[in-house]
Amino acid sequence: MCADTRTPSHAARLMLMYFLRHHLRMLTYQEIADLFDLGHRSTALRSMRIIDEVEQLLPDLETKIHRSLNLTR
């Protein structure tokens, strides 16, 4: 993952951006970036790449969590 999660505020912003991207698919990356006043397009794209990475990791993480819960029951 990129280094944009250096501070709690960066992590919180990315989490909210992921939520918006996941639940409001009609919003474009730029519209989400504009909501957060990210300004420069490269900053917005870097944040959106992180969101894409998270989306790719979630299915594997979800599988691991389900496996772990089944083992502990």
N, C-alpha and C. Protein backbone atom coordinates (compact mmCIF):
# COMPACT_ATOMS: atom_id res chain seq x y z
N MET A 1 0.82 -1.18 0.00
CA MET A 1 0.00 0.00 0.00
C MET A 1 0.87 1.24 0.00
N CYS A 2 0.35 2.30 -0.51
CA CYS A 2 1.07 3.56 -0.57
C CYS A 2 1.17 4.18 0.81
N ALA A 3 1.98 5.22 0.92
CA ALA A 3 2.24 5.85 2.21
C ALA A 3 1.22 6.91 2.60
N ASP A 4 0.09 7.00 1.90
CA ASP A 4 -0.91 8.01 2.22
C ASP A 4 -1.63 7.77 3.54
N THR A 5 -1.37 6.65 4.19
CA THR A 5 -2.04 6.34 5.45
C THR A 5 -1.14 6.68 6.63
N ARG A 6 -0.27 7.66 6.47
CA ARG A 6 0.69 8.02 7.51
C ARG A 6 0.03 8.51 8.78
N THR A 7 -1.09 9.18 8.68
CA THR A 7 -1.73 9.75 9.85
C THR A 7 -3.16 9.24 9.96
N PRO A 8 -3.72 9.32 11.16
CA PRO A 8 -5.13 8.90 11.30
C PRO A 8 -6.07 9.67 10.38
N SER A 9 -5.80 10.95 10.15
CA SER A 9 -6.69 11.72 9.27
C SER A 9 -6.62 11.23 7.83
N HIS A 10 -5.43 10.85 7.37
CA HIS A 10 -5.31 10.28 6.02
C HIS A 10 -6.06 8.96 5.94
N ALA A 11 -5.88 8.13 6.93
CA ALA A 11 -6.56 6.83 6.94
C ALA A 11 -8.07 7.00 6.99
N ALA A 12 -8.54 7.93 7.80
CA ALA A 12 -9.99 8.17 7.90
C ALA A 12 -10.54 8.69 6.58
N ARG A 13 -9.81 9.59 5.94
CA ARG A 13 -10.25 10.11 4.64
C ARG A 13 -10.34 8.99 3.62
N LEU A 14 -9.34 8.14 3.58
CA LEU A 14 -9.35 7.03 2.63
C LEU A 14 -10.49 6.06 2.92
N MET A 15 -10.76 5.82 4.20
CA MET A 15 -11.85 4.92 4.55
C MET A 15 -13.19 5.49 4.08
N LEU A 16 -13.39 6.77 4.28
CA LEU A 16 -14.63 7.40 3.84
C LEU A 16 -14.71 7.43 2.31
N MET A 17 -13.59 7.68 1.65
CA MET A 17 -13.58 7.66 0.19
C MET A 17 -13.92 6.26 -0.33
N TYR A 18 -13.37 5.24 0.33
CA TYR A 18 -13.71 3.87 -0.06
C TYR A 18 -15.20 3.63 0.09
N PHE A 19 -15.77 4.05 1.22
CA PHE A 19 -17.19 3.87 1.47
C PHE A 19 -18.02 4.52 0.37
N LEU A 20 -17.68 5.75 0.03
CA LEU A 20 -18.41 6.45 -1.03
C LEU A 20 -18.27 5.72 -2.37
N ARG A 21 -17.06 5.31 -2.68
CA ARG A 21 -16.80 4.62 -3.95
C ARG A 21 -17.57 3.30 -4.01
N HIS A 22 -17.61 2.60 -2.89
CA HIS A 22 -18.26 1.30 -2.85
C HIS A 22 -19.78 1.40 -2.89
N HIS A 23 -20.34 2.37 -2.20
CA HIS A 23 -21.79 2.47 -2.06
C HIS A 23 -22.45 3.44 -3.04
N LEU A 24 -21.69 4.35 -3.59
CA LEU A 24 -22.25 5.31 -4.55
C LEU A 24 -21.47 5.21 -5.85
N ARG A 25 -21.65 4.10 -6.54
CA ARG A 25 -20.89 3.81 -7.76
C ARG A 25 -21.06 4.85 -8.86
N MET A 26 -22.15 5.64 -8.78
CA MET A 26 -22.38 6.62 -9.84
C MET A 26 -21.41 7.81 -9.73
N LEU A 27 -20.73 7.96 -8.59
CA LEU A 27 -19.76 9.04 -8.45
C LEU A 27 -18.46 8.66 -9.16
N THR A 28 -17.89 9.62 -9.87
CA THR A 28 -16.59 9.37 -10.50
C THR A 28 -15.50 9.60 -9.47
N TYR A 29 -14.30 9.13 -9.80
CA TYR A 29 -13.16 9.38 -8.92
C TYR A 29 -12.98 10.87 -8.68
N GLN A 30 -13.10 11.65 -9.73
CA GLN A 30 -12.88 13.09 -9.60
C GLN A 30 -13.93 13.73 -8.71
N GLU A 31 -15.18 13.29 -8.81
CA GLU A 31 -16.23 13.84 -7.95
C GLU A 31 -15.97 13.52 -6.48
N ILE A 32 -15.51 12.31 -6.22
CA ILE A 32 -15.17 11.96 -4.84
C ILE A 32 -13.99 12.81 -4.36
N ALA A 33 -12.99 12.95 -5.20
CA ALA A 33 -11.82 13.77 -4.84
C ALA A 33 -12.23 15.21 -4.58
N ASP A 34 -13.14 15.73 -5.39
CA ASP A 34 -13.61 17.10 -5.20
C ASP A 34 -14.34 17.27 -3.88
N LEU A 35 -15.06 16.24 -3.44
CA LEU A 35 -15.74 16.31 -2.15
C LEU A 35 -14.76 16.52 -1.00
N PHE A 36 -13.54 16.01 -1.17
CA PHE A 36 -12.52 16.11 -0.14
C PHE A 36 -11.51 17.22 -0.41
N ASP A 37 -11.81 18.06 -1.39
CA ASP A 37 -10.91 19.17 -1.76
C ASP A 37 -9.46 18.71 -1.92
N LEU A 38 -9.28 17.59 -2.63
CA LEU A 38 -7.93 17.09 -2.82
C LEU A 38 -7.13 17.94 -3.79
N GLY A 39 -7.84 18.72 -4.56
CA GLY A 39 -7.16 19.67 -5.43
C GLY A 39 -6.46 19.01 -6.59
N HIS A 40 -5.15 18.92 -6.50
CA HIS A 40 -4.33 18.44 -7.60
C HIS A 40 -4.76 17.05 -8.04
N ARG A 41 -4.88 16.88 -9.34
CA ARG A 41 -5.38 15.62 -9.90
C ARG A 41 -4.52 14.42 -9.51
N SER A 42 -3.20 14.60 -9.43
CA SER A 42 -2.33 13.47 -9.08
C SER A 42 -2.59 13.00 -7.65
N THR A 43 -2.91 13.93 -6.75
CA THR A 43 -3.24 13.56 -5.37
C THR A 43 -4.51 12.74 -5.35
N ALA A 44 -5.49 13.17 -6.11
CA ALA A 44 -6.76 12.43 -6.18
C ALA A 44 -6.54 11.04 -6.76
N LEU A 45 -5.76 10.96 -7.82
CA LEU A 45 -5.52 9.66 -8.45
C LEU A 45 -4.74 8.72 -7.53
N ARG A 46 -3.79 9.27 -6.78
CA ARG A 46 -3.03 8.45 -5.84
C ARG A 46 -3.96 7.87 -4.77
N SER A 47 -4.85 8.71 -4.25
CA SER A 47 -5.81 8.24 -3.25
C SER A 47 -6.75 7.20 -3.84
N MET A 48 -7.18 7.40 -5.07
CA MET A 48 -8.08 6.45 -5.70
C MET A 48 -7.38 5.13 -6.00
N ARG A 49 -6.09 5.17 -6.29
CA ARG A 49 -5.35 3.92 -6.49
C ARG A 49 -5.32 3.11 -5.19
N ILE A 50 -5.18 3.81 -4.07
CA ILE A 50 -5.21 3.12 -2.78
C ILE A 50 -6.57 2.47 -2.57
N ILE A 51 -7.64 3.20 -2.93
CA ILE A 51 -8.99 2.66 -2.81
C ILE A 51 -9.12 1.39 -3.66
N ASP A 52 -8.59 1.43 -4.88
CA ASP A 52 -8.63 0.26 -5.76
C ASP A 52 -7.88 -0.92 -5.15
N GLU A 53 -6.71 -0.64 -4.53
CA GLU A 53 -5.94 -1.70 -3.88
C GLU A 53 -6.74 -2.33 -2.75
N VAL A 54 -7.40 -1.50 -1.96
CA VAL A 54 -8.21 -2.00 -0.85
C VAL A 54 -9.32 -2.89 -1.38
N GLU A 55 -10.00 -2.44 -2.45
CA GLU A 55 -11.08 -3.24 -3.03
C GLU A 55 -10.58 -4.60 -3.50
N GLN A 56 -9.35 -4.66 -3.98
CA GLN A 56 -8.80 -5.93 -4.44
C GLN A 56 -8.43 -6.84 -3.27
N LEU A 57 -8.04 -6.26 -2.14
CA LEU A 57 -7.64 -7.04 -0.98
C LEU A 57 -8.81 -7.55 -0.14
N LEU A 58 -9.94 -6.87 -0.21
CA LEU A 58 -11.07 -7.21 0.66
C LEU A 58 -11.60 -8.64 0.51
N PRO A 59 -11.78 -9.17 -0.69
CA PRO A 59 -12.31 -10.54 -0.78
C PRO A 59 -11.42 -11.55 -0.06
N ASP A 60 -10.10 -11.42 -0.21
CA ASP A 60 -9.18 -12.33 0.45
C ASP A 60 -9.24 -12.15 1.97
N LEU A 61 -9.31 -10.92 2.42
CA LEU A 61 -9.41 -10.64 3.85
C LEU A 61 -10.72 -11.20 4.41
N GLU A 62 -11.79 -11.02 3.68
CA GLU A 62 -13.09 -11.53 4.11
C GLU A 62 -13.06 -13.06 4.24
N THR A 63 -12.43 -13.73 3.29
CA THR A 63 -12.30 -15.18 3.35
C THR A 63 -11.51 -15.60 4.58
N LYS A 64 -10.41 -14.91 4.85
CA LYS A 64 -9.59 -15.23 6.02
C LYS A 64 -10.36 -15.02 7.31
N ILE A 65 -11.15 -13.96 7.37
CA ILE A 65 -11.95 -13.69 8.58
C ILE A 65 -12.98 -14.79 8.78
N HIS A 66 -13.66 -15.18 7.70
CA HIS A 66 -14.66 -16.25 7.81
C HIS A 66 -14.02 -17.56 8.26
N ARG A 67 -12.86 -17.86 7.70
CA ARG A 67 -12.14 -19.08 8.11
C ARG A 67 -11.79 -19.03 9.58
N SER A 68 -11.29 -17.89 10.01
CA SER A 68 -10.90 -17.72 11.41
C SER A 68 -12.10 -17.87 12.34
N LEU A 69 -13.23 -17.29 11.97
CA LEU A 69 -14.43 -17.39 12.80
C LEU A 69 -14.94 -18.82 12.86
N ASN A 70 -14.86 -19.53 11.77
CA ASN A 70 -15.29 -20.93 11.77
C ASN A 70 -14.40 -21.80 12.64
N LEU A 71 -13.12 -21.46 12.71
CA LEU A 71 -12.19 -22.23 13.53
C LEU A 71 -12.41 -21.99 15.01
N THR A 72 -12.86 -20.80 15.37
CA THR A 72 -13.00 -20.46 16.78
C THR A 72 -14.35 -20.85 17.35
N ARG A 73 -15.29 -21.24 16.52
CA ARG A 73 -16.63 -21.58 17.02
C ARG A 73 -16.71 -22.98 17.53
